[in-house]
Amino acid sequence: MQNKDTEKGRIIIYTGNGKGKTTAAVGTAVRALGRGMKVAMLQFIKSPERSYGEQLSLEKLGAVVQQLGAGFTWTKTPEEHRTALESAWKTAKECIEGGEYDLIILDELNNALAIDSFPIHDILPLNEVIEVLLNRPASLHVLITGRDAKDEIKAIADLVSVIEAEKHYYDEGVNAIYGIEY
């Protein structure tokens, strides 16, 4: 049952150093899709050169999923990342302003905004991100994932969940596990 309070779109942040931010966003997407909502997931770091389990699942359920990044920051040149991030932000703005979706997930946008190994502020300006988020269609929910969420982004959010790691097999040298991490 909907009421005026639930009709308002929310800004939701899943951040922290623990595993599960994208996974939690996928769970939210599944719930939204189950309720007949239109969902898009835009992935800022992941590259279209690979496939990902969340992409395969969500597309089967009717979501639009796009990998817009160049991969991990150490896998390509700074210019390749800058080009990908500039294009990703353009796509995200168009998606947000277009009014076609009920839920848009900006996966790893926090990571992108936190890059400090090369300049990104001219192609992904924090003040513009905030302006677009604040001026989105009134009923649009935007969910942002990734480590190192900026305080300015958290300040405008309606919900911030911090996922912390207490123990992780990465610390024992175990690589990403097929079906669990990707």
Protein backbone atom coordinates (compact mmCIF):
# COMPACT_ATOMS: atom_id res chain seq x y z
CA MET A 1 0.00 0.00 0.00
CA GLN A 2 1.51 3.30 -1.08
CA ASN A 3 1.13 6.65 0.62
CA LYS A 4 2.59 10.11 0.03
CA ASP A 5 5.66 9.27 2.10
CA THR A 6 6.50 6.18 0.04
CA GLU A 7 5.88 7.90 -3.29
CA LYS A 8 8.86 10.22 -2.74
CA GLY A 9 12.07 8.97 -4.31
CA ARG A 10 14.95 8.40 -1.93
CA ILE A 11 18.72 8.63 -2.16
CA ILE A 12 20.24 5.48 -0.68
CA ILE A 13 23.95 4.91 -0.03
CA TYR A 14 25.66 1.56 0.58
CA THR A 15 29.28 2.23 1.51
CA GLY A 16 32.10 0.93 3.69
CA ASN A 17 35.03 -1.46 3.33
CA GLY A 18 33.04 -4.67 3.72
CA LYS A 19 31.85 -7.01 0.99
CA GLY A 20 28.23 -6.77 -0.03
CA LYS A 21 27.44 -3.26 -1.23
CA THR A 22 26.64 -4.23 -4.80
CA THR A 23 25.02 -7.43 -3.54
CA ALA A 24 22.71 -5.40 -1.30
CA ALA A 25 21.88 -3.12 -4.24
CA VAL A 26 21.03 -6.18 -6.34
CA GLY A 27 18.68 -7.33 -3.58
CA THR A 28 16.98 -3.95 -3.65
CA ALA A 29 16.71 -4.18 -7.44
CA VAL A 30 15.14 -7.64 -7.23
CA ARG A 31 12.58 -6.35 -4.75
CA ALA A 32 11.78 -3.35 -6.97
CA LEU A 33 11.47 -5.54 -10.07
CA GLY A 34 9.15 -7.84 -8.15
CA ARG A 35 6.90 -4.85 -7.54
CA GLY A 36 6.81 -3.95 -11.22
CA MET A 37 9.27 -1.07 -11.00
CA LYS A 38 11.62 -0.19 -13.85
CA VAL A 39 15.25 -0.58 -12.77
CA ALA A 40 18.58 0.42 -14.27
CA MET A 41 22.01 -0.40 -12.87
CA LEU A 42 24.90 1.67 -14.18
CA GLN A 43 28.30 0.36 -13.16
CA PHE A 44 30.99 3.06 -13.04
CA ILE A 45 34.10 0.90 -12.59
CA LYS A 46 33.25 -2.50 -14.08
CA SER A 47 34.17 -2.93 -17.72
CA PRO A 48 31.94 -4.23 -20.53
CA GLU A 49 34.89 -6.48 -21.48
CA ARG A 50 33.76 -8.95 -18.76
CA SER A 51 30.44 -10.39 -17.66
CA TYR A 52 29.17 -10.28 -14.11
CA GLY A 53 26.67 -12.47 -12.29
CA GLU A 54 24.54 -9.52 -11.16
CA GLN A 55 24.26 -8.33 -14.75
CA LEU A 56 23.15 -11.75 -16.01
CA SER A 57 20.56 -12.16 -13.25
CA LEU A 58 19.11 -8.66 -13.32
CA GLU A 59 18.79 -8.64 -17.10
CA LYS A 60 16.81 -11.91 -16.91
CA LEU A 61 14.46 -10.17 -14.49
CA GLY A 62 14.00 -7.17 -16.81
CA ALA A 63 16.48 -4.60 -15.49
CA VAL A 64 18.81 -2.61 -17.70
CA VAL A 65 22.44 -3.15 -16.66
CA GLN A 66 25.39 -1.35 -18.23
CA GLN A 67 29.07 -1.61 -17.41
CA LEU A 68 30.43 1.84 -18.20
CA GLY A 69 33.90 1.71 -16.68
CA ALA A 70 37.36 0.69 -17.81
CA GLY A 71 37.92 -1.81 -15.00
CA PHE A 72 40.08 -1.48 -11.92
CA THR A 73 42.12 1.73 -11.91
CA TRP A 74 45.40 -0.17 -12.24
CA THR A 75 44.31 -2.08 -15.39
CA LYS A 76 44.20 0.83 -17.84
CA THR A 77 45.77 4.23 -18.33
CA PRO A 78 44.41 7.24 -16.46
CA GLU A 79 43.19 8.67 -19.77
CA GLU A 80 41.23 5.50 -20.55
CA HIS A 81 39.60 5.73 -17.12
CA ARG A 82 38.90 9.43 -17.51
CA THR A 83 37.22 8.84 -20.88
CA ALA A 84 35.10 6.00 -19.46
CA LEU A 85 34.11 7.98 -16.35
CA GLU A 86 33.18 11.05 -18.37
CA SER A 87 30.97 8.93 -20.60
CA ALA A 88 29.53 7.05 -17.60
CA TRP A 89 28.54 10.28 -15.88
CA LYS A 90 26.91 11.58 -19.09
CA THR A 91 24.91 8.33 -19.35
CA ALA A 92 23.93 8.50 -15.66
CA LYS A 93 22.75 12.12 -15.95
CA GLU A 94 20.63 11.28 -19.00
CA CYS A 95 19.19 8.24 -17.25
CA ILE A 96 18.34 10.20 -14.09
CA GLU A 97 16.87 13.17 -15.94
CA GLY A 98 15.01 10.99 -18.47
CA GLY A 99 12.29 9.89 -16.08
CA GLU A 100 12.09 6.35 -17.49
CA TYR A 101 13.09 4.47 -14.33
CA ASP A 102 11.79 4.06 -10.80
CA LEU A 103 15.15 2.94 -9.37
CA ILE A 104 18.60 3.73 -10.71
CA ILE A 105 21.62 2.10 -9.13
CA LEU A 106 24.89 3.98 -9.58
CA ASP A 107 27.18 1.10 -8.73
CA GLU A 108 30.63 2.12 -7.50
CA LEU A 109 30.00 5.82 -8.10
CA ASN A 110 31.46 6.39 -4.63
CA ASN A 111 34.67 4.66 -5.73
CA ALA A 112 34.84 6.80 -8.86
CA LEU A 113 34.36 10.02 -6.90
CA ALA A 114 37.13 8.96 -4.49
CA ILE A 115 39.80 8.37 -7.16
CA ASP A 116 42.90 10.37 -6.30
CA SER A 117 45.54 8.69 -8.45
CA PHE A 118 44.56 10.87 -11.43
CA PRO A 119 42.31 13.92 -11.81
CA ILE A 120 38.58 13.25 -12.15
CA HIS A 121 36.95 16.40 -10.78
CA ASP A 122 36.74 18.06 -14.19
CA ILE A 123 34.89 15.10 -15.75
CA LEU A 124 32.94 13.92 -12.68
CA PRO A 125 32.37 17.07 -10.63
CA LEU A 126 31.02 16.38 -7.14
CA ASN A 127 28.90 19.55 -7.11
CA GLU A 128 27.25 18.51 -10.40
CA VAL A 129 26.56 14.99 -9.10
CA ILE A 130 24.86 16.50 -6.05
CA GLU A 131 22.86 18.93 -8.19
CA VAL A 132 21.63 16.15 -10.50
CA LEU A 133 20.69 13.97 -7.53
CA LEU A 134 18.80 16.77 -5.81
CA ASN A 135 16.96 17.76 -9.01
CA ARG A 136 16.00 14.22 -10.08
CA PRO A 137 12.35 13.37 -10.79
CA ALA A 138 10.46 13.43 -7.49
CA SER A 139 9.56 9.72 -7.44
CA LEU A 140 12.96 8.40 -8.58
CA HIS A 141 14.97 6.32 -6.13
CA VAL A 142 18.75 6.48 -6.62
CA LEU A 143 20.97 3.94 -4.90
CA ILE A 144 24.72 4.63 -4.85
CA THR A 145 27.29 2.00 -3.91
CA GLY A 146 31.00 1.90 -3.32
CA ARG A 147 33.66 2.50 -0.73
CA ASP A 148 34.62 5.95 0.49
CA ALA A 149 31.31 7.76 0.04
CA LYS A 150 31.91 11.50 0.11
CA ASP A 151 30.51 13.32 3.13
CA GLU A 152 28.66 15.66 0.77
CA ILE A 153 26.87 12.71 -0.86
CA LYS A 154 26.02 11.17 2.52
CA ALA A 155 24.64 14.51 3.67
CA ILE A 156 21.95 14.57 0.96
CA ALA A 157 21.09 10.87 1.32
CA ASP A 158 17.94 9.61 2.98
CA LEU A 159 19.60 6.34 4.01
CA VAL A 160 23.27 5.49 4.51
CA SER A 161 24.33 1.94 5.33
CA VAL A 162 27.97 1.29 6.10
CA ILE A 163 29.09 -2.26 5.45
CA GLU A 164 32.25 -3.13 7.36
CA ALA A 165 34.44 -6.20 7.06
CA GLU A 166 35.19 -8.13 10.21
CA LYS A 167 36.86 -11.01 8.40
CA HIS A 168 37.46 -11.70 4.71
CA TYR A 169 39.22 -14.49 2.84
CA TYR A 170 40.96 -11.87 0.67
CA ASP A 171 43.19 -11.28 3.70
CA GLU A 172 44.35 -14.90 3.37
CA GLY A 173 45.24 -14.43 -0.31
CA VAL A 174 42.04 -15.90 -1.77
CA ASN A 175 41.09 -14.19 -5.03
CA ALA A 176 37.58 -13.17 -6.07
CA ILE A 177 35.30 -16.21 -6.26
CA TYR A 178 33.22 -16.92 -9.35
CA GLY A 179 29.54 -16.59 -8.47
CA ILE A 180 30.27 -14.87 -5.17
CA GLU A 181 32.22 -11.73 -6.12
CA TYR A 182 31.49 -11.59 -9.84
